[in-house]
Amino acid sequence: MVTRLWRARWSGVPRTLDAFDDFDSPCARTDIIECNVRYVLFHMIEETARHGGHADIIRETIDGTRQS
């Protein structure tokens, strides 16, 4: 279920990114962050990887196995 939700959310990312002519364009929400689209994209990739790692730690704790 979680994987399905994640895939559904990320399926729209290519269309969203295609809307930008340049990844150096400023973010739409300048009231909360002053950076460009490239920064936000890399930040989201980093956060996804970090939380995926957290999920692996929890799973390893529960079932005692490690995946490589």
PDB file of N, CA and C in Angstrom:
ATOM      1  N   MET A   1       0.820  -1.192   0.000  1.00  0.00           N
ATOM      2  CA  MET A   1       0.000   0.000   0.000  1.00  0.00           C
ATOM      3  C   MET A   1       0.869   1.263   0.000  1.00  0.00           C
ATOM      4  N   VAL A   2       1.887   1.298   0.833  1.00  0.00           N
ATOM      5  CA  VAL A   2       2.749   2.476   0.891  1.00  0.00           C
ATOM      6  C   VAL A   2       3.485   2.664  -0.425  1.00  0.00           C
ATOM      7  N   THR A   3       3.973   1.572  -0.989  1.00  0.00           N
ATOM      8  CA  THR A   3       4.681   1.654  -2.268  1.00  0.00           C
ATOM      9  C   THR A   3       3.753   2.160  -3.362  1.00  0.00           C
ATOM     10  N   ARG A   4       2.525   1.707  -3.345  1.00  0.00           N
ATOM     11  CA  ARG A   4       1.550   2.148  -4.351  1.00  0.00           C
ATOM     12  C   ARG A   4       1.293   3.658  -4.219  1.00  0.00           C
ATOM     13  N   LEU A   5       1.161   4.134  -2.997  1.00  0.00           N
ATOM     14  CA  LEU A   5       0.950   5.560  -2.765  1.00  0.00           C
ATOM     15  C   LEU A   5       2.157   6.375  -3.230  1.00  0.00           C
ATOM     16  N   TRP A   6       3.358   5.897  -2.904  1.00  0.00           N
ATOM     17  CA  TRP A   6       4.584   6.588  -3.315  1.00  0.00           C
ATOM     18  C   TRP A   6       4.659   6.663  -4.844  1.00  0.00           C
ATOM     19  N   ARG A   7       4.388   5.554  -5.508  1.00  0.00           N
ATOM     20  CA  ARG A   7       4.433   5.552  -6.986  1.00  0.00           C
ATOM     21  C   ARG A   7       3.394   6.492  -7.574  1.00  0.00           C
ATOM     22  N   ALA A   8       2.221   6.542  -6.979  1.00  0.00           N
ATOM     23  CA  ALA A   8       1.171   7.436  -7.471  1.00  0.00           C
ATOM     24  C   ALA A   8       1.596   8.891  -7.327  1.00  0.00           C
ATOM     25  N   ARG A   9       2.209   9.239  -6.212  1.00  0.00           N
ATOM     26  CA  ARG A   9       2.661  10.614  -5.996  1.00  0.00           C
ATOM     27  C   ARG A   9       3.778  10.996  -6.956  1.00  0.00           C
ATOM     28  N   TRP A  10       4.731  10.110  -7.153  1.00  0.00           N
ATOM     29  CA  TRP A  10       5.868  10.412  -7.998  1.00  0.00           C
ATOM     30  C   TRP A  10       5.552  10.284  -9.485  1.00  0.00           C
ATOM     31  N   SER A  11       4.438   9.681  -9.841  1.00  0.00           N
ATOM     32  CA  SER A  11       4.111   9.542 -11.261  1.00  0.00           C
ATOM     33  C   SER A  11       3.878  10.896 -11.919  1.00  0.00           C
ATOM     34  N   GLY A  12       3.499  11.892 -11.148  1.00  0.00           N
ATOM     35  CA  GLY A  12       3.264  13.224 -11.693  1.00  0.00           C
ATOM     36  C   GLY A  12       4.504  14.098 -11.775  1.00  0.00           C
ATOM     37  N   VAL A  13       5.599  13.642 -11.218  1.00  0.00           N
ATOM     38  CA  VAL A  13       6.818  14.456 -11.188  1.00  0.00           C
ATOM     39  C   VAL A  13       7.323  14.826 -12.587  1.00  0.00           C
ATOM     40  N   PRO A  14       7.419  13.898 -13.532  1.00  0.00           N
ATOM     41  CA  PRO A  14       7.912  14.301 -14.868  1.00  0.00           C
ATOM     42  C   PRO A  14       7.073  15.412 -15.496  1.00  0.00           C
ATOM     43  N   ARG A  15       5.753  15.338 -15.366  1.00  0.00           N
ATOM     44  CA  ARG A  15       4.898  16.396 -15.925  1.00  0.00           C
ATOM     45  C   ARG A  15       5.166  17.725 -15.231  1.00  0.00           C
ATOM     46  N   THR A  16       5.333  17.684 -13.922  1.00  0.00           N
ATOM     47  CA  THR A  16       5.607  18.906 -13.169  1.00  0.00           C
ATOM     48  C   THR A  16       6.929  19.516 -13.602  1.00  0.00           C
ATOM     49  N   LEU A  17       7.955  18.686 -13.732  1.00  0.00           N
ATOM     50  CA  LEU A  17       9.269  19.200 -14.121  1.00  0.00           C
ATOM     51  C   LEU A  17       9.276  19.705 -15.552  1.00  0.00           C
ATOM     52  N   ASP A  18       8.472  19.100 -16.420  1.00  0.00           N
ATOM     53  CA  ASP A  18       8.386  19.566 -17.804  1.00  0.00           C
ATOM     54  C   ASP A  18       7.810  20.977 -17.895  1.00  0.00           C
ATOM     55  N   ALA A  19       7.104  21.399 -16.861  1.00  0.00           N
ATOM     56  CA  ALA A  19       6.509  22.736 -16.860  1.00  0.00           C
ATOM     57  C   ALA A  19       7.553  23.833 -16.701  1.00  0.00           C
ATOM     58  N   PHE A  20       8.762  23.464 -16.276  1.00  0.00           N
ATOM     59  CA  PHE A  20       9.813  24.450 -16.073  1.00  0.00           C
ATOM     60  C   PHE A  20      10.745  24.478 -17.276  1.00  0.00           C
ATOM     61  N   ASP A  21      11.003  25.680 -17.761  1.00  0.00           N
ATOM     62  CA  ASP A  21      11.959  25.840 -18.864  1.00  0.00           C
ATOM     63  C   ASP A  21      13.387  25.657 -18.364  1.00  0.00           C
ATOM     64  N   ASP A  22      13.584  25.976 -17.097  1.00  0.00           N
ATOM     65  CA  ASP A  22      14.928  25.989 -16.539  1.00  0.00           C
ATOM     66  C   ASP A  22      14.857  25.599 -15.065  1.00  0.00           C
ATOM     67  N   PHE A  23      15.675  24.636 -14.670  1.00  0.00           N
ATOM     68  CA  PHE A  23      15.667  24.212 -13.263  1.00  0.00           C
ATOM     69  C   PHE A  23      16.263  25.270 -12.347  1.00  0.00           C
ATOM     70  N   ASP A  24      16.839  26.301 -12.912  1.00  0.00           N
ATOM     71  CA  ASP A  24      17.335  27.407 -12.102  1.00  0.00           C
ATOM     72  C   ASP A  24      16.244  28.443 -11.842  1.00  0.00           C
ATOM     73  N   SER A  25      15.021  28.133 -12.272  1.00  0.00           N
ATOM     74  CA  SER A  25      13.888  29.017 -11.998  1.00  0.00           C
ATOM     75  C   SER A  25      13.639  29.068 -10.503  1.00  0.00           C
ATOM     76  N   PRO A  26      13.204  30.211  -9.997  1.00  0.00           N
ATOM     77  CA  PRO A  26      12.927  30.298  -8.561  1.00  0.00           C
ATOM     78  C   PRO A  26      11.711  29.453  -8.183  1.00  0.00           C
ATOM     79  N   CYS A  27      11.682  29.025  -6.945  1.00  0.00           N
ATOM     80  CA  CYS A  27      10.546  28.254  -6.437  1.00  0.00           C
ATOM     81  C   CYS A  27       9.295  29.115  -6.425  1.00  0.00           C
ATOM     82  N   ALA A  28       8.171  28.472  -6.545  1.00  0.00           N
ATOM     83  CA  ALA A  28       6.898  29.189  -6.531  1.00  0.00           C
ATOM     84  C   ALA A  28       6.590  29.744  -5.142  1.00  0.00           C
ATOM     85  N   ARG A  29       7.052  29.068  -4.097  1.00  0.00           N
ATOM     86  CA  ARG A  29       6.749  29.490  -2.718  1.00  0.00           C
ATOM     87  C   ARG A  29       7.923  30.261  -2.128  1.00  0.00           C
ATOM     88  N   THR A  30       8.161  31.454  -2.637  1.00  0.00           N
ATOM     89  CA  THR A  30       9.275  32.253  -2.126  1.00  0.00           C
ATOM     90  C   THR A  30       9.027  32.738  -0.700  1.00  0.00           C
ATOM     91  N   ASP A  31       7.791  32.603  -0.219  1.00  0.00           N
ATOM     92  CA  ASP A  31       7.507  33.007   1.157  1.00  0.00           C
ATOM     93  C   ASP A  31       8.056  32.017   2.179  1.00  0.00           C
ATOM     94  N   ILE A  32       8.303  30.780   1.751  1.00  0.00           N
ATOM     95  CA  ILE A  32       8.811  29.784   2.704  1.00  0.00           C
ATOM     96  C   ILE A  32      10.225  29.316   2.383  1.00  0.00           C
ATOM     97  N   ILE A  33      10.680  29.535   1.145  1.00  0.00           N
ATOM     98  CA  ILE A  33      12.023  29.090   0.791  1.00  0.00           C
ATOM     99  C   ILE A  33      12.533  29.942  -0.366  1.00  0.00           C
ATOM    100  N   GLU A  34      13.787  30.318  -0.286  1.00  0.00           N
ATOM    101  CA  GLU A  34      14.405  31.098  -1.355  1.00  0.00           C
ATOM    102  C   GLU A  34      15.441  30.233  -2.049  1.00  0.00           C
ATOM    103  N   CYS A  35      15.004  29.484  -3.020  1.00  0.00           N
ATOM    104  CA  CYS A  35      15.927  28.633  -3.776  1.00  0.00           C
ATOM    105  C   CYS A  35      15.303  28.330  -5.130  1.00  0.00           C
ATOM    106  N   ASN A  36      16.000  27.522  -5.910  1.00  0.00           N
ATOM    107  CA  ASN A  36      15.508  27.213  -7.242  1.00  0.00           C
ATOM    108  C   ASN A  36      14.909  25.800  -7.312  1.00  0.00           C
ATOM    109  N   VAL A  37      14.329  25.505  -8.439  1.00  0.00           N
ATOM    110  CA  VAL A  37      13.669  24.211  -8.650  1.00  0.00           C
ATOM    111  C   VAL A  37      14.673  23.068  -8.523  1.00  0.00           C
ATOM    112  N   ARG A  38      15.888  23.254  -9.008  1.00  0.00           N
ATOM    113  CA  ARG A  38      16.926  22.231  -8.921  1.00  0.00           C
ATOM    114  C   ARG A  38      17.186  21.841  -7.466  1.00  0.00           C
ATOM    115  N   TYR A  39      17.274  22.835  -6.580  1.00  0.00           N
ATOM    116  CA  TYR A  39      17.511  22.564  -5.161  1.00  0.00           C
ATOM    117  C   TYR A  39      16.374  21.726  -4.577  1.00  0.00           C
ATOM    118  N   VAL A  40      15.151  22.106  -4.884  1.00  0.00           N
ATOM    119  CA  VAL A  40      13.990  21.376  -4.349  1.00  0.00           C
ATOM    120  C   VAL A  40      13.979  19.938  -4.859  1.00  0.00           C
ATOM    121  N   LEU A  41      14.270  19.737  -6.130  1.00  0.00           N
ATOM    122  CA  LEU A  41      14.291  18.397  -6.705  1.00  0.00           C
ATOM    123  C   LEU A  41      15.335  17.519  -6.006  1.00  0.00           C
ATOM    124  N   PHE A  42      16.555  18.029  -5.857  1.00  0.00           N
ATOM    125  CA  PHE A  42      17.593  17.250  -5.181  1.00  0.00           C
ATOM    126  C   PHE A  42      17.252  17.008  -3.721  1.00  0.00           C
ATOM    127  N   HIS A  43      16.638  17.991  -3.084  1.00  0.00           N
ATOM    128  CA  HIS A  43      16.235  17.823  -1.687  1.00  0.00           C
ATOM    129  C   HIS A  43      15.207  16.696  -1.556  1.00  0.00           C
ATOM    130  N   MET A  44      14.255  16.638  -2.465  1.00  0.00           N
ATOM    131  CA  MET A  44      13.226  15.591  -2.411  1.00  0.00           C
ATOM    132  C   MET A  44      13.824  14.208  -2.664  1.00  0.00           C
ATOM    133  N   ILE A  45      14.785  14.117  -3.580  1.00  0.00           N
ATOM    134  CA  ILE A  45      15.469  12.843  -3.820  1.00  0.00           C
ATOM    135  C   ILE A  45      16.205  12.411  -2.560  1.00  0.00           C
ATOM    136  N   GLU A  46      16.910  13.361  -1.944  1.00  0.00           N
ATOM    137  CA  GLU A  46      17.655  13.068  -0.719  1.00  0.00           C
ATOM    138  C   GLU A  46      16.727  12.615   0.408  1.00  0.00           C
ATOM    139  N   GLU A  47      15.619  13.304   0.582  1.00  0.00           N
ATOM    140  CA  GLU A  47      14.665  12.934   1.629  1.00  0.00           C
ATOM    141  C   GLU A  47      14.068  11.547   1.387  1.00  0.00           C
ATOM    142  N   THR A  48      13.758  11.240   0.131  1.00  0.00           N
ATOM    143  CA  THR A  48      13.218   9.922  -0.202  1.00  0.00           C
ATOM    144  C   THR A  48      14.226   8.833   0.153  1.00  0.00           C
ATOM    145  N   ALA A  49      15.486   9.057  -0.193  1.00  0.00           N
ATOM    146  CA  ALA A  49      16.527   8.077   0.128  1.00  0.00           C
ATOM    147  C   ALA A  49      16.707   7.941   1.631  1.00  0.00           C
ATOM    148  N   ARG A  50      16.696   9.042   2.346  1.00  0.00           N
ATOM    149  CA  ARG A  50      16.882   9.011   3.796  1.00  0.00           C
ATOM    150  C   ARG A  50      15.766   8.218   4.473  1.00  0.00           C
ATOM    151  N   HIS A  51      14.537   8.500   4.097  1.00  0.00           N
ATOM    152  CA  HIS A  51      13.418   7.809   4.731  1.00  0.00           C
ATOM    153  C   HIS A  51      13.334   6.355   4.300  1.00  0.00           C
ATOM    154  N   GLY A  52      13.763   6.070   3.082  1.00  0.00           N
ATOM    155  CA  GLY A  52      13.860   4.672   2.661  1.00  0.00           C
ATOM    156  C   GLY A  52      14.853   3.922   3.519  1.00  0.00           C
ATOM    157  N   GLY A  53      15.963   4.581   3.857  1.00  0.00           N
ATOM    158  CA  GLY A  53      16.952   3.980   4.746  1.00  0.00           C
ATOM    159  C   GLY A  53      16.386   3.735   6.132  1.00  0.00           C
ATOM    160  N   HIS A  54      15.586   4.668   6.623  1.00  0.00           N
ATOM    161  CA  HIS A  54      14.944   4.483   7.929  1.00  0.00           C
ATOM    162  C   HIS A  54      14.019   3.275   7.892  1.00  0.00           C
ATOM    163  N   ALA A  55      13.271   3.134   6.807  1.00  0.00           N
ATOM    164  CA  ALA A  55      12.370   1.987   6.682  1.00  0.00           C
ATOM    165  C   ALA A  55      13.153   0.678   6.668  1.00  0.00           C
ATOM    166  N   ASP A  56      14.318   0.672   6.015  1.00  0.00           N
ATOM    167  CA  ASP A  56      15.165  -0.531   6.004  1.00  0.00           C
ATOM    168  C   ASP A  56      15.631  -0.887   7.410  1.00  0.00           C
ATOM    169  N   ILE A  57      16.029   0.106   8.176  1.00  0.00           N
ATOM    170  CA  ILE A  57      16.476  -0.147   9.547  1.00  0.00           C
ATOM    171  C   ILE A  57      15.352  -0.773  10.370  1.00  0.00           C
ATOM    172  N   ILE A  58      14.156  -0.251  10.239  1.00  0.00           N
ATOM    173  CA  ILE A  58      13.008  -0.791  10.983  1.00  0.00           C
ATOM    174  C   ILE A  58      12.731  -2.223  10.545  1.00  0.00           C
ATOM    175  N   ARG A  59      12.731  -2.454   9.213  1.00  0.00           N
ATOM    176  CA  ARG A  59      12.468  -3.795   8.722  1.00  0.00           C
ATOM    177  C   ARG A  59      13.532  -4.777   9.201  1.00  0.00           C
ATOM    178  N   GLU A  60      14.802  -4.360   9.151  1.00  0.00           N
ATOM    179  CA  GLU A  60      15.877  -5.230   9.607  1.00  0.00           C
ATOM    180  C   GLU A  60      15.730  -5.573  11.091  1.00  0.00           C
ATOM    181  N   THR A  61      15.276  -4.615  11.871  1.00  0.00           N
ATOM    182  CA  THR A  61      15.062  -4.830  13.298  1.00  0.00           C
ATOM    183  C   THR A  61      13.953  -5.852  13.513  1.00  0.00           C
ATOM    184  N   ILE A  62      12.930  -5.786  12.698  1.00  0.00           N
ATOM    185  CA  ILE A  62      11.788  -6.692  12.850  1.00  0.00           C
ATOM    186  C   ILE A  62      12.105  -8.107  12.365  1.00  0.00           C
ATOM    187  N   ASP A  63      12.640  -8.221  11.162  1.00  0.00           N
ATOM    188  CA  ASP A  63      12.829  -9.574  10.619  1.00  0.00           C
ATOM    189  C   ASP A  63      14.255 -10.099  10.692  1.00  0.00           C
ATOM    190  N   GLY A  64      15.193  -9.271  11.104  1.00  0.00           N
ATOM    191  CA  GLY A  64      16.563  -9.725  11.311  1.00  0.00           C
ATOM    192  C   GLY A  64      17.366  -9.989  10.053  1.00  0.00           C
ATOM    193  N   THR A  65      16.840  -9.615   8.881  1.00  0.00           N
ATOM    194  CA  THR A  65      17.570  -9.855   7.635  1.00  0.00           C
ATOM    195  C   THR A  65      18.082  -8.535   7.078  1.00  0.00           C
ATOM    196  N   ARG A  66      19.068  -8.639   6.197  1.00  0.00           N
ATOM    197  CA  ARG A  66      19.622  -7.467   5.525  1.00  0.00           C
ATOM    198  C   ARG A  66      19.511  -7.695   4.024  1.00  0.00           C
ATOM    199  N   GLN A  67      19.116  -6.650   3.308  1.00  0.00           N
ATOM    200  CA  GLN A  67      19.059  -6.733   1.850  1.00  0.00           C
ATOM    201  C   GLN A  67      20.152  -5.849   1.290  1.00  0.00           C
ATOM    202  N   SER A  68      20.762  -6.309   0.207  1.00  0.00           N
ATOM    203  CA  SER A  68      21.818  -5.487  -0.391  1.00  0.00           C
ATOM    204  C   SER A  68      21.414  -4.972  -1.742  1.00  0.00           C
TER     205      SER A  68
END
